[in-house]
PDB file of N, CA and C in Angstrom:
ATOM      1  N   MET A   1       0.848  -1.169   0.000  1.00  0.00           N
ATOM      2  CA  MET A   1       0.000   0.000   0.000  1.00  0.00           C
ATOM      3  C   MET A   1       0.893   1.230   0.000  1.00  0.00           C
ATOM      4  N   VAL A   2       0.686   2.107  -0.962  1.00  0.00           N
ATOM      5  CA  VAL A   2       1.413   3.372  -1.001  1.00  0.00           C
ATOM      6  C   VAL A   2       0.384   4.464  -0.744  1.00  0.00           C
ATOM      7  N   GLU A   3       0.435   5.020   0.460  1.00  0.00           N
ATOM      8  CA  GLU A   3      -0.579   5.979   0.913  1.00  0.00           C
ATOM      9  C   GLU A   3       0.046   6.885   1.956  1.00  0.00           C
ATOM     10  N   ASP A   4      -0.118   8.197   1.773  1.00  0.00           N
ATOM     11  CA  ASP A   4       0.496   9.139   2.713  1.00  0.00           C
ATOM     12  C   ASP A   4      -0.372   9.450   3.930  1.00  0.00           C
ATOM     13  N   SER A   5      -1.617   9.045   3.930  1.00  0.00           N
ATOM     14  CA  SER A   5      -2.481   9.267   5.081  1.00  0.00           C
ATOM     15  C   SER A   5      -2.328   8.104   6.063  1.00  0.00           C
ATOM     16  N   ALA A   6      -1.869   8.409   7.266  1.00  0.00           N
ATOM     17  CA  ALA A   6      -1.690   7.365   8.284  1.00  0.00           C
ATOM     18  C   ALA A   6      -3.015   6.711   8.635  1.00  0.00           C
ATOM     19  N   ALA A   7      -4.086   7.468   8.676  1.00  0.00           N
ATOM     20  CA  ALA A   7      -5.402   6.907   9.011  1.00  0.00           C
ATOM     21  C   ALA A   7      -5.859   5.908   7.945  1.00  0.00           C
ATOM     22  N   VAL A   8      -5.697   6.277   6.684  1.00  0.00           N
ATOM     23  CA  VAL A   8      -6.092   5.380   5.593  1.00  0.00           C
ATOM     24  C   VAL A   8      -5.198   4.142   5.601  1.00  0.00           C
ATOM     25  N   SER A   9      -3.894   4.316   5.765  1.00  0.00           N
ATOM     26  CA  SER A   9      -2.967   3.185   5.813  1.00  0.00           C
ATOM     27  C   SER A   9      -3.321   2.220   6.930  1.00  0.00           C
ATOM     28  N   SER A  10      -3.642   2.744   8.097  1.00  0.00           N
ATOM     29  CA  SER A  10      -4.010   1.907   9.240  1.00  0.00           C
ATOM     30  C   SER A  10      -5.264   1.102   8.943  1.00  0.00           C
ATOM     31  N   ALA A  11      -6.264   1.767   8.396  1.00  0.00           N
ATOM     32  CA  ALA A  11      -7.516   1.079   8.062  1.00  0.00           C
ATOM     33  C   ALA A  11      -7.285  -0.005   7.020  1.00  0.00           C
ATOM     34  N   MET A  12      -6.474   0.310   6.012  1.00  0.00           N
ATOM     35  CA  MET A  12      -6.180  -0.673   4.962  1.00  0.00           C
ATOM     36  C   MET A  12      -5.410  -1.862   5.523  1.00  0.00           C
ATOM     37  N   ARG A  13      -4.467  -1.590   6.399  1.00  0.00           N
ATOM     38  CA  ARG A  13      -3.704  -2.679   7.016  1.00  0.00           C
ATOM     39  C   ARG A  13      -4.652  -3.626   7.750  1.00  0.00           C
ATOM     40  N   ILE A  14      -5.527  -3.076   8.557  1.00  0.00           N
ATOM     41  CA  ILE A  14      -6.482  -3.893   9.314  1.00  0.00           C
ATOM     42  C   ILE A  14      -7.374  -4.685   8.358  1.00  0.00           C
ATOM     43  N   LEU A  15      -7.897  -4.018   7.341  1.00  0.00           N
ATOM     44  CA  LEU A  15      -8.781  -4.657   6.370  1.00  0.00           C
ATOM     45  C   LEU A  15      -8.097  -5.835   5.681  1.00  0.00           C
ATOM     46  N   PHE A  16      -6.892  -5.613   5.166  1.00  0.00           N
ATOM     47  CA  PHE A  16      -6.231  -6.660   4.401  1.00  0.00           C
ATOM     48  C   PHE A  16      -5.613  -7.741   5.283  1.00  0.00           C
ATOM     49  N   GLU A  17      -5.101  -7.384   6.436  1.00  0.00           N
ATOM     50  CA  GLU A  17      -4.567  -8.409   7.332  1.00  0.00           C
ATOM     51  C   GLU A  17      -5.685  -9.303   7.857  1.00  0.00           C
ATOM     52  N   SER A  18      -6.860  -8.733   8.093  1.00  0.00           N
ATOM     53  CA  SER A  18      -7.986  -9.557   8.555  1.00  0.00           C
ATOM     54  C   SER A  18      -8.471 -10.496   7.451  1.00  0.00           C
ATOM     55  N   ALA A  19      -8.157 -10.176   6.200  1.00  0.00           N
ATOM     56  CA  ALA A  19      -8.489 -11.046   5.071  1.00  0.00           C
ATOM     57  C   ALA A  19      -7.357 -12.030   4.770  1.00  0.00           C
ATOM     58  N   GLY A  20      -6.309 -12.022   5.617  1.00  0.00           N
ATOM     59  CA  GLY A  20      -5.228 -12.998   5.470  1.00  0.00           C
ATOM     60  C   GLY A  20      -4.045 -12.565   4.637  1.00  0.00           C
ATOM     61  N   HIS A  21      -3.953 -11.292   4.331  1.00  0.00           N
ATOM     62  CA  HIS A  21      -2.850 -10.807   3.497  1.00  0.00           C
ATOM     63  C   HIS A  21      -1.751 -10.166   4.344  1.00  0.00           C
ATOM     64  N   ARG A  22      -0.529 -10.268   3.865  1.00  0.00           N
ATOM     65  CA  ARG A  22       0.590  -9.547   4.470  1.00  0.00           C
ATOM     66  C   ARG A  22       0.621  -8.171   3.835  1.00  0.00           C
ATOM     67  N   VAL A  23       0.809  -7.132   4.654  1.00  0.00           N
ATOM     68  CA  VAL A  23       0.719  -5.757   4.178  1.00  0.00           C
ATOM     69  C   VAL A  23       2.000  -4.997   4.499  1.00  0.00           C
ATOM     70  N   SER A  24       2.511  -4.290   3.496  1.00  0.00           N
ATOM     71  CA  SER A  24       3.604  -3.341   3.689  1.00  0.00           C
ATOM     72  C   SER A  24       3.059  -1.969   3.325  1.00  0.00           C
ATOM     73  N   ILE A  25       3.480  -0.965   4.089  1.00  0.00           N
ATOM     74  CA  ILE A  25       2.991   0.393   3.870  1.00  0.00           C
ATOM     75  C   ILE A  25       4.169   1.305   3.526  1.00  0.00           C
ATOM     76  N   ALA A  26       3.970   2.152   2.532  1.00  0.00           N
ATOM     77  CA  ALA A  26       4.932   3.199   2.193  1.00  0.00           C
ATOM     78  C   ALA A  26       4.141   4.498   2.100  1.00  0.00           C
ATOM     79  N   ALA A  27       4.730   5.589   2.609  1.00  0.00           N
ATOM     80  CA  ALA A  27       4.017   6.864   2.655  1.00  0.00           C
ATOM     81  C   ALA A  27       4.520   7.888   1.648  1.00  0.00           C
ATOM     82  N   SER A  28       5.486   7.493   0.813  1.00  0.00           N
ATOM     83  CA  SER A  28       6.043   8.441  -0.151  1.00  0.00           C
ATOM     84  C   SER A  28       6.620   7.679  -1.339  1.00  0.00           C
ATOM     85  N   VAL A  29       6.977   8.416  -2.367  1.00  0.00           N
ATOM     86  CA  VAL A  29       7.619   7.809  -3.535  1.00  0.00           C
ATOM     87  C   VAL A  29       8.915   7.118  -3.111  1.00  0.00           C
ATOM     88  N   ALA A  30       9.738   7.813  -2.334  1.00  0.00           N
ATOM     89  CA  ALA A  30      11.018   7.252  -1.888  1.00  0.00           C
ATOM     90  C   ALA A  30      10.812   5.984  -1.057  1.00  0.00           C
ATOM     91  N   ASP A  31       9.876   6.017  -0.112  1.00  0.00           N
ATOM     92  CA  ASP A  31       9.592   4.828   0.711  1.00  0.00           C
ATOM     93  C   ASP A  31       9.126   3.667  -0.156  1.00  0.00           C
ATOM     94  N   ALA A  32       8.246   3.963  -1.102  1.00  0.00           N
ATOM     95  CA  ALA A  32       7.695   2.911  -1.952  1.00  0.00           C
ATOM     96  C   ALA A  32       8.780   2.249  -2.801  1.00  0.00           C
ATOM     97  N   LEU A  33       9.708   3.030  -3.326  1.00  0.00           N
ATOM     98  CA  LEU A  33      10.804   2.445  -4.105  1.00  0.00           C
ATOM     99  C   LEU A  33      11.657   1.545  -3.230  1.00  0.00           C
ATOM    100  N   SER A  34      11.922   1.969  -2.009  1.00  0.00           N
ATOM    101  CA  SER A  34      12.722   1.173  -1.088  1.00  0.00           C
ATOM    102  C   SER A  34      12.009  -0.126  -0.714  1.00  0.00           C
ATOM    103  N   VAL A  35      10.757  -0.023  -0.295  1.00  0.00           N
ATOM    104  CA  VAL A  35       9.988  -1.213   0.112  1.00  0.00           C
ATOM    105  C   VAL A  35       9.782  -2.143  -1.077  1.00  0.00           C
ATOM    106  N   GLY A  36       9.392  -1.581  -2.212  1.00  0.00           N
ATOM    107  CA  GLY A  36       9.120  -2.399  -3.395  1.00  0.00           C
ATOM    108  C   GLY A  36      10.336  -3.128  -3.913  1.00  0.00           C
ATOM    109  N   THR A  37      11.495  -2.526  -3.780  1.00  0.00           N
ATOM    110  CA  THR A  37      12.732  -3.165  -4.227  1.00  0.00           C
ATOM    111  C   THR A  37      13.121  -4.314  -3.292  1.00  0.00           C
ATOM    112  N   ARG A  38      12.959  -4.095  -1.988  1.00  0.00           N
ATOM    113  CA  ARG A  38      13.291  -5.134  -0.995  1.00  0.00           C
ATOM    114  C   ARG A  38      12.307  -6.292  -1.000  1.00  0.00           C
ATOM    115  N   ASP A  39      11.033  -5.987  -1.272  1.00  0.00           N
ATOM    116  CA  ASP A  39       9.976  -6.981  -1.125  1.00  0.00           C
ATOM    117  C   ASP A  39       8.885  -6.737  -2.170  1.00  0.00           C
ATOM    118  N   PRO A  40       9.128  -7.134  -3.428  1.00  0.00           N
ATOM    119  CA  PRO A  40       8.143  -6.891  -4.482  1.00  0.00           C
ATOM    120  C   PRO A  40       6.781  -7.500  -4.127  1.00  0.00           C
ATOM    121  N   ALA A  41       5.751  -6.739  -4.337  1.00  0.00           N
ATOM    122  CA  ALA A  41       4.398  -7.138  -3.934  1.00  0.00           C
ATOM    123  C   ALA A  41       3.621  -7.763  -5.082  1.00  0.00           C
ATOM    124  N   ALA A  42       2.706  -8.646  -4.723  1.00  0.00           N
ATOM    125  CA  ALA A  42       1.787  -9.211  -5.703  1.00  0.00           C
ATOM    126  C   ALA A  42       0.779  -8.151  -6.144  1.00  0.00           C
ATOM    127  N   LEU A  43       0.426  -7.245  -5.217  1.00  0.00           N
ATOM    128  CA  LEU A  43      -0.527  -6.177  -5.509  1.00  0.00           C
ATOM    129  C   LEU A  43      -0.085  -4.913  -4.800  1.00  0.00           C
ATOM    130  N   VAL A  44      -0.041  -3.821  -5.548  1.00  0.00           N
ATOM    131  CA  VAL A  44       0.273  -2.513  -4.979  1.00  0.00           C
ATOM    132  C   VAL A  44      -0.951  -1.622  -5.175  1.00  0.00           C
ATOM    133  N   LEU A  45      -1.478  -1.112  -4.073  1.00  0.00           N
ATOM    134  CA  LEU A  45      -2.536  -0.112  -4.125  1.00  0.00           C
ATOM    135  C   LEU A  45      -1.840   1.232  -3.995  1.00  0.00           C
ATOM    136  N   LEU A  46      -1.941   2.052  -5.020  1.00  0.00           N
ATOM    137  CA  LEU A  46      -1.092   3.227  -5.170  1.00  0.00           C
ATOM    138  C   LEU A  46      -1.874   4.535  -5.169  1.00  0.00           C
ATOM    139  N   ASP A  47      -1.677   5.328  -4.133  1.00  0.00           N
ATOM    140  CA  ASP A  47      -2.208   6.690  -4.093  1.00  0.00           C
ATOM    141  C   ASP A  47      -1.402   7.501  -5.102  1.00  0.00           C
ATOM    142  N   LEU A  48      -2.072   8.376  -5.824  1.00  0.00           N
ATOM    143  CA  LEU A  48      -1.367   9.163  -6.840  1.00  0.00           C
ATOM    144  C   LEU A  48      -0.756  10.444  -6.291  1.00  0.00           C
ATOM    145  N   THR A  49      -1.325  10.976  -5.225  1.00  0.00           N
ATOM    146  CA  THR A  49      -0.843  12.239  -4.670  1.00  0.00           C
ATOM    147  C   THR A  49      -0.028  11.948  -3.419  1.00  0.00           C
ATOM    148  N   LEU A  50       1.285  12.030  -3.559  1.00  0.00           N
ATOM    149  CA  LEU A  50       2.196  11.730  -2.462  1.00  0.00           C
ATOM    150  C   LEU A  50       3.024  12.969  -2.127  1.00  0.00           C
ATOM    151  N   PRO A  51       3.546  13.064  -0.918  1.00  0.00           N
ATOM    152  CA  PRO A  51       4.239  14.291  -0.502  1.00  0.00           C
ATOM    153  C   PRO A  51       5.487  14.612  -1.321  1.00  0.00           C
ATOM    154  N   ASP A  52       6.114  13.598  -1.902  1.00  0.00           N
ATOM    155  CA  ASP A  52       7.344  13.854  -2.649  1.00  0.00           C
ATOM    156  C   ASP A  52       7.209  13.584  -4.142  1.00  0.00           C
ATOM    157  N   GLY A  53       5.975  13.515  -4.641  1.00  0.00           N
ATOM    158  CA  GLY A  53       5.811  13.347  -6.076  1.00  0.00           C
ATOM    159  C   GLY A  53       4.529  12.639  -6.465  1.00  0.00           C
ATOM    160  N   ASN A  54       4.386  12.432  -7.754  1.00  0.00           N
ATOM    161  CA  ASN A  54       3.227  11.765  -8.328  1.00  0.00           C
ATOM    162  C   ASN A  54       3.423  10.257  -8.237  1.00  0.00           C
ATOM    163  N   GLY A  55       2.432   9.567  -7.704  1.00  0.00           N
ATOM    164  CA  GLY A  55       2.511   8.120  -7.577  1.00  0.00           C
ATOM    165  C   GLY A  55       2.728   7.395  -8.899  1.00  0.00           C
ATOM    166  N   LEU A  56       2.281   7.993 -10.001  1.00  0.00           N
ATOM    167  CA  LEU A  56       2.469   7.336 -11.299  1.00  0.00           C
ATOM    168  C   LEU A  56       3.938   7.153 -11.642  1.00  0.00           C
ATOM    169  N   ALA A  57       4.805   7.958 -11.057  1.00  0.00           N
ATOM    170  CA  ALA A  57       6.247   7.802 -11.293  1.00  0.00           C
ATOM    171  C   ALA A  57       6.755   6.476 -10.737  1.00  0.00           C
ATOM    172  N   LEU A  58       5.976   5.828  -9.885  1.00  0.00           N
ATOM    173  CA  LEU A  58       6.385   4.556  -9.278  1.00  0.00           C
ATOM    174  C   LEU A  58       6.033   3.338 -10.123  1.00  0.00           C
ATOM    175  N   VAL A  59       5.083   3.485 -11.017  1.00  0.00           N
ATOM    176  CA  VAL A  59       4.550   2.311 -11.709  1.00  0.00           C
ATOM    177  C   VAL A  59       5.642   1.534 -12.445  1.00  0.00           C
ATOM    178  N   ALA A  60       6.357   2.163 -13.348  1.00  0.00           N
ATOM    179  CA  ALA A  60       7.392   1.457 -14.120  1.00  0.00           C
ATOM    180  C   ALA A  60       8.477   0.861 -13.228  1.00  0.00           C
ATOM    181  N   PRO A  61       9.045   1.622 -12.282  1.00  0.00           N
ATOM    182  CA  PRO A  61      10.081   1.024 -11.434  1.00  0.00           C
ATOM    183  C   PRO A  61       9.575  -0.155 -10.601  1.00  0.00           C
ATOM    184  N   LEU A  62       8.359  -0.060 -10.078  1.00  0.00           N
ATOM    185  CA  LEU A  62       7.839  -1.163  -9.264  1.00  0.00           C
ATOM    186  C   LEU A  62       7.566  -2.404 -10.116  1.00  0.00           C
ATOM    187  N   LEU A  63       7.061  -2.208 -11.314  1.00  0.00           N
ATOM    188  CA  LEU A  63       6.858  -3.356 -12.206  1.00  0.00           C
ATOM    189  C   LEU A  63       8.198  -3.981 -12.586  1.00  0.00           C
ATOM    190  N   THR A  64       9.202  -3.152 -12.780  1.00  0.00           N
ATOM    191  CA  THR A  64      10.530  -3.638 -13.159  1.00  0.00           C
ATOM    192  C   THR A  64      11.163  -4.501 -12.073  1.00  0.00           C
ATOM    193  N   VAL A  65      10.931  -4.160 -10.799  1.00  0.00           N
ATOM    194  CA  VAL A  65      11.539  -4.938  -9.710  1.00  0.00           C
ATOM    195  C   VAL A  65      10.707  -6.150  -9.317  1.00  0.00           C
ATOM    196  N   GLY A  66       9.570  -6.375  -9.985  1.00  0.00           N
ATOM    197  CA  GLY A  66       8.818  -7.600  -9.750  1.00  0.00           C
ATOM    198  C   GLY A  66       7.457  -7.458  -9.107  1.00  0.00           C
ATOM    199  N   CYS A  67       7.019  -6.246  -8.843  1.00  0.00           N
ATOM    200  CA  CYS A  67       5.643  -6.080  -8.358  1.00  0.00           C
ATOM    201  C   CYS A  67       4.718  -6.509  -9.499  1.00  0.00           C
ATOM    202  N   ARG A  68       3.729  -7.350  -9.196  1.00  0.00           N
ATOM    203  CA  ARG A  68       2.912  -7.939 -10.260  1.00  0.00           C
ATOM    204  C   ARG A  68       1.798  -7.043 -10.775  1.00  0.00           C
ATOM    205  N   THR A  69       1.012  -6.469  -9.873  1.00  0.00           N
ATOM    206  CA  THR A  69      -0.166  -5.708 -10.271  1.00  0.00           C
ATOM    207  C   THR A  69      -0.208  -4.410  -9.489  1.00  0.00           C
ATOM    208  N   ILE A  70      -0.428  -3.314 -10.201  1.00  0.00           N
ATOM    209  CA  ILE A  70      -0.523  -2.001  -9.553  1.00  0.00           C
ATOM    210  C   ILE A  70      -1.890  -1.412  -9.880  1.00  0.00           C
ATOM    211  N   VAL A  71      -2.588  -0.999  -8.824  1.00  0.00           N
ATOM    212  CA  VAL A  71      -3.906  -0.389  -8.965  1.00  0.00           C
ATOM    213  C   VAL A  71      -3.838   1.019  -8.382  1.00  0.00           C
ATOM    214  N   ALA A  72      -4.227   1.996  -9.176  1.00  0.00           N
ATOM    215  CA  ALA A  72      -4.219   3.387  -8.729  1.00  0.00           C
ATOM    216  C   ALA A  72      -5.455   3.669  -7.887  1.00  0.00           C
ATOM    217  N   LEU A  73      -5.238   4.385  -6.789  1.00  0.00           N
ATOM    218  CA  LEU A  73      -6.328   4.890  -5.950  1.00  0.00           C
ATOM    219  C   LEU A  73      -6.246   6.409  -6.008  1.00  0.00           C
ATOM    220  N   THR A  74      -7.335   7.038  -6.430  1.00  0.00           N
ATOM    221  CA  THR A  74      -7.289   8.484  -6.623  1.00  0.00           C
ATOM    222  C   THR A  74      -8.619   9.136  -6.283  1.00  0.00           C
ATOM    223  N   GLY A  75      -8.561  10.382  -5.957  1.00  0.00           N
ATOM    224  CA  GLY A  75      -9.763  11.170  -5.740  1.00  0.00           C
ATOM    225  C   GLY A  75     -10.242  11.831  -7.024  1.00  0.00           C
ATOM    226  N   HIS A  76      -9.499  11.640  -8.104  1.00  0.00           N
ATOM    227  CA  HIS A  76      -9.830  12.273  -9.383  1.00  0.00           C
ATOM    228  C   HIS A  76     -10.626  11.303 -10.252  1.00  0.00           C
ATOM    229  N   ASP A  77     -11.857  11.649 -10.515  1.00  0.00           N
ATOM    230  CA  ASP A  77     -12.727  10.792 -11.319  1.00  0.00           C
ATOM    231  C   ASP A  77     -12.928  11.416 -12.699  1.00  0.00           C
ATOM    232  N   ASP A  78     -11.870  11.359 -13.499  1.00  0.00           N
ATOM    233  CA  ASP A  78     -11.970  11.929 -14.844  1.00  0.00           C
ATOM    234  C   ASP A  78     -11.222  11.023 -15.822  1.00  0.00           C
ATOM    235  N   GLU A  79     -11.594  11.145 -17.080  1.00  0.00           N
ATOM    236  CA  GLU A  79     -11.022  10.286 -18.125  1.00  0.00           C
ATOM    237  C   GLU A  79      -9.522  10.476 -18.292  1.00  0.00           C
ATOM    238  N   GLU A  80      -9.032  11.704 -18.159  1.00  0.00           N
ATOM    239  CA  GLU A  80      -7.597  11.954 -18.329  1.00  0.00           C
ATOM    240  C   GLU A  80      -6.785  11.213 -17.267  1.00  0.00           C
ATOM    241  N   THR A  81      -7.235  11.273 -16.016  1.00  0.00           N
ATOM    242  CA  THR A  81      -6.525  10.561 -14.948  1.00  0.00           C
ATOM    243  C   THR A  81      -6.538   9.064 -15.219  1.00  0.00           C
ATOM    244  N   ARG A  82      -7.695   8.532 -15.569  1.00  0.00           N
ATOM    245  CA  ARG A  82      -7.793   7.094 -15.870  1.00  0.00           C
ATOM    246  C   ARG A  82      -6.856   6.712 -17.027  1.00  0.00           C
ATOM    247  N   ALA A  83      -6.876   7.508 -18.072  1.00  0.00           N
ATOM    248  CA  ALA A  83      -6.027   7.219 -19.234  1.00  0.00           C
ATOM    249  C   ALA A  83      -4.547   7.272 -18.855  1.00  0.00           C
ATOM    250  N   ASN A  84      -4.164   8.247 -18.048  1.00  0.00           N
ATOM    251  CA  ASN A  84      -2.760   8.350 -17.609  1.00  0.00           C
ATOM    252  C   ASN A  84      -2.352   7.143 -16.774  1.00  0.00           C
ATOM    253  N   CYS A  85      -3.241   6.681 -15.922  1.00  0.00           N
ATOM    254  CA  CYS A  85      -2.938   5.518 -15.077  1.00  0.00           C
ATOM    255  C   CYS A  85      -2.757   4.256 -15.925  1.00  0.00           C
ATOM    256  N   VAL A  86      -3.664   4.047 -16.853  1.00  0.00           N
ATOM    257  CA  VAL A  86      -3.572   2.866 -17.722  1.00  0.00           C
ATOM    258  C   VAL A  86      -2.325   2.953 -18.593  1.00  0.00           C
ATOM    259  N   ALA A  87      -2.043   4.128 -19.143  1.00  0.00           N
ATOM    260  CA  ALA A  87      -0.853   4.304 -19.980  1.00  0.00           C
ATOM    261  C   ALA A  87       0.422   4.052 -19.184  1.00  0.00           C
ATOM    262  N   ALA A  88       0.415   4.374 -17.890  1.00  0.00           N
ATOM    263  CA  ALA A  88       1.595   4.158 -17.047  1.00  0.00           C
ATOM    264  C   ALA A  88       1.794   2.692 -16.699  1.00  0.00           C
ATOM    265  N   GLY A  89       0.733   1.884 -16.835  1.00  0.00           N
ATOM    266  CA  GLY A  89       0.855   0.463 -16.547  1.00  0.00           C
ATOM    267  C   GLY A  89      -0.019  -0.048 -15.413  1.00  0.00           C
ATOM    268  N   CYS A  90      -0.902   0.799 -14.896  1.00  0.00           N
ATOM    269  CA  CYS A  90      -1.812   0.355 -13.833  1.00  0.00           C
ATOM    270  C   CYS A  90      -2.838  -0.628 -14.399  1.00  0.00           C
ATOM    271  N   ALA A  91      -3.133  -1.658 -13.627  1.00  0.00           N
ATOM    272  CA  ALA A  91      -4.110  -2.654 -14.045  1.00  0.00           C
ATOM    273  C   ALA A  91      -5.540  -2.136 -13.914  1.00  0.00           C
ATOM    274  N   ASP A  92      -5.735  -1.190 -13.007  1.00  0.00           N
ATOM    275  CA  ASP A  92      -7.071  -0.648 -12.779  1.00  0.00           C
ATOM    276  C   ASP A  92      -6.931   0.688 -12.059  1.00  0.00           C
ATOM    277  N   VAL A  93      -8.036   1.410 -11.992  1.00  0.00           N
ATOM    278  CA  VAL A  93      -8.090   2.695 -11.300  1.00  0.00           C
ATOM    279  C   VAL A  93      -9.359   2.703 -10.460  1.00  0.00           C
ATOM    280  N   LEU A  94      -9.203   2.981  -9.174  1.00  0.00           N
ATOM    281  CA  LEU A  94     -10.350   3.095  -8.284  1.00  0.00           C
ATOM    282  C   LEU A  94     -10.419   4.512  -7.743  1.00  0.00           C
ATOM    283  N   VAL A  95     -11.632   5.039  -7.681  1.00  0.00           N
ATOM    284  CA  VAL A  95     -11.835   6.396  -7.178  1.00  0.00           C
ATOM    285  C   VAL A  95     -12.202   6.318  -5.700  1.00  0.00           C
ATOM    286  N   LYS A  96     -11.443   7.065  -4.894  1.00  0.00           N
ATOM    287  CA  LYS A  96     -11.690   7.115  -3.452  1.00  0.00           C
ATOM    288  C   LYS A  96     -12.944   7.930  -3.170  1.00  0.00           C
ATOM    289  N   PRO A  97     -13.650   7.595  -2.131  1.00  0.00           N
ATOM    290  CA  PRO A  97     -13.440   6.453  -1.237  1.00  0.00           C
ATOM    291  C   PRO A  97     -13.997   5.172  -1.869  1.00  0.00           C
ATOM    292  N   VAL A  98     -13.279   4.091  -1.680  1.00  0.00           N
ATOM    293  CA  VAL A  98     -13.680   2.792  -2.202  1.00  0.00           C
ATOM    294  C   VAL A  98     -14.281   1.992  -1.041  1.00  0.00           C
ATOM    295  N   PRO A  99     -15.506   1.488  -1.202  1.00  0.00           N
ATOM    296  CA  PRO A  99     -16.087   0.674  -0.137  1.00  0.00           C
ATOM    297  C   PRO A  99     -15.200  -0.535   0.176  1.00  0.00           C
ATOM    298  N   ALA A 100     -15.044  -0.842   1.455  1.00  0.00           N
ATOM    299  CA  ALA A 100     -14.131  -1.901   1.897  1.00  0.00           C
ATOM    300  C   ALA A 100     -14.434  -3.233   1.222  1.00  0.00           C
ATOM    301  N   ARG A 101     -15.688  -3.627   1.168  1.00  0.00           N
ATOM    302  CA  ARG A 101     -16.038  -4.930   0.544  1.00  0.00           C
ATOM    303  C   ARG A 101     -15.632  -4.970  -0.920  1.00  0.00           C
ATOM    304  N   GLU A 102     -15.859  -3.868  -1.625  1.00  0.00           N
ATOM    305  CA  GLU A 102     -15.484  -3.807  -3.037  1.00  0.00           C
ATOM    306  C   GLU A 102     -13.970  -3.909  -3.199  1.00  0.00           C
ATOM    307  N   LEU A 103     -13.240  -3.230  -2.345  1.00  0.00           N
ATOM    308  CA  LEU A 103     -11.784  -3.256  -2.431  1.00  0.00           C
ATOM    309  C   LEU A 103     -11.240  -4.661  -2.176  1.00  0.00           C
ATOM    310  N   VAL A 104     -11.749  -5.339  -1.176  1.00  0.00           N
ATOM    311  CA  VAL A 104     -11.303  -6.699  -0.876  1.00  0.00           C
ATOM    312  C   VAL A 104     -11.680  -7.653  -2.004  1.00  0.00           C
ATOM    313  N   ALA A 105     -12.889  -7.533  -2.530  1.00  0.00           N
ATOM    314  CA  ALA A 105     -13.332  -8.403  -3.625  1.00  0.00           C
ATOM    315  C   ALA A 105     -12.492  -8.196  -4.879  1.00  0.00           C
ATOM    316  N   ARG A 106     -12.268  -6.946  -5.240  1.00  0.00           N
ATOM    317  CA  ARG A 106     -11.453  -6.679  -6.428  1.00  0.00           C
ATOM    318  C   ARG A 106     -10.015  -7.136  -6.217  1.00  0.00           C
ATOM    319  N   SER A 107      -9.505  -6.943  -5.013  1.00  0.00           N
ATOM    320  CA  SER A 107      -8.135  -7.360  -4.725  1.00  0.00           C
ATOM    321  C   SER A 107      -7.979  -8.857  -4.881  1.00  0.00           C
ATOM    322  N   ALA A 108      -8.966  -9.613  -4.460  1.00  0.00           N
ATOM    323  CA  ALA A 108      -8.918 -11.068  -4.626  1.00  0.00           C
ATOM    324  C   ALA A 108      -8.813 -11.421  -6.108  1.00  0.00           C
ATOM    325  N   LYS A 109      -9.544 -10.699  -6.938  1.00  0.00           N
ATOM    326  CA  LYS A 109      -9.493 -10.923  -8.383  1.00  0.00           C
ATOM    327  C   LYS A 109      -8.094 -10.620  -8.929  1.00  0.00           C
ATOM    328  N   TRP A 110      -7.536  -9.480  -8.532  1.00  0.00           N
ATOM    329  CA  TRP A 110      -6.216  -9.104  -9.030  1.00  0.00           C
ATOM    330  C   TRP A 110      -5.139 -10.072  -8.554  1.00  0.00           C
ATOM    331  N   LEU A 111      -5.273 -10.543  -7.329  1.00  0.00           N
ATOM    332  CA  LEU A 111      -4.263 -11.456  -6.776  1.00  0.00           C
ATOM    333  C   LEU A 111      -4.330 -12.832  -7.426  1.00  0.00           C
ATOM    334  N   SER A 112      -5.498 -13.207  -7.939  1.00  0.00           N
ATOM    335  CA  SER A 112      -5.631 -14.534  -8.550  1.00  0.00           C
ATOM    336  C   SER A 112      -5.250 -14.541 -10.024  1.00  0.00           C
ATOM    337  N   SER A 113      -5.073 -13.357 -10.601  1.00  0.00           N
ATOM    338  CA  SER A 113      -4.744 -13.334 -12.048  1.00  0.00           C
ATOM    339  C   SER A 113      -3.258 -13.292 -12.289  1.00  0.00           C
TER     340      SER A 113
END
């Protein structure tokens, strides 16, 4: 999970750990590159607005180090944002806030593919 909000990160950790997943949290572009390089994830939920840059800058490097699937989480619900995310290599784009059940269900789909 790449998310700069501690409250959102905490909630996501609880949600995914209760569903049986191991969770790593990064709060910035720099943190995400470090964590992703050390421990490539099967699924990365990626906030686009981070304190040290645009989350889309992480997509190519994280895919290169072995992260399998990257899903953008954004507050921007417009075609340009969606197109930019897909062009960068994101498997999907979800607009915040995402209902917990939907997020867990979709994540199961992404993890099984």
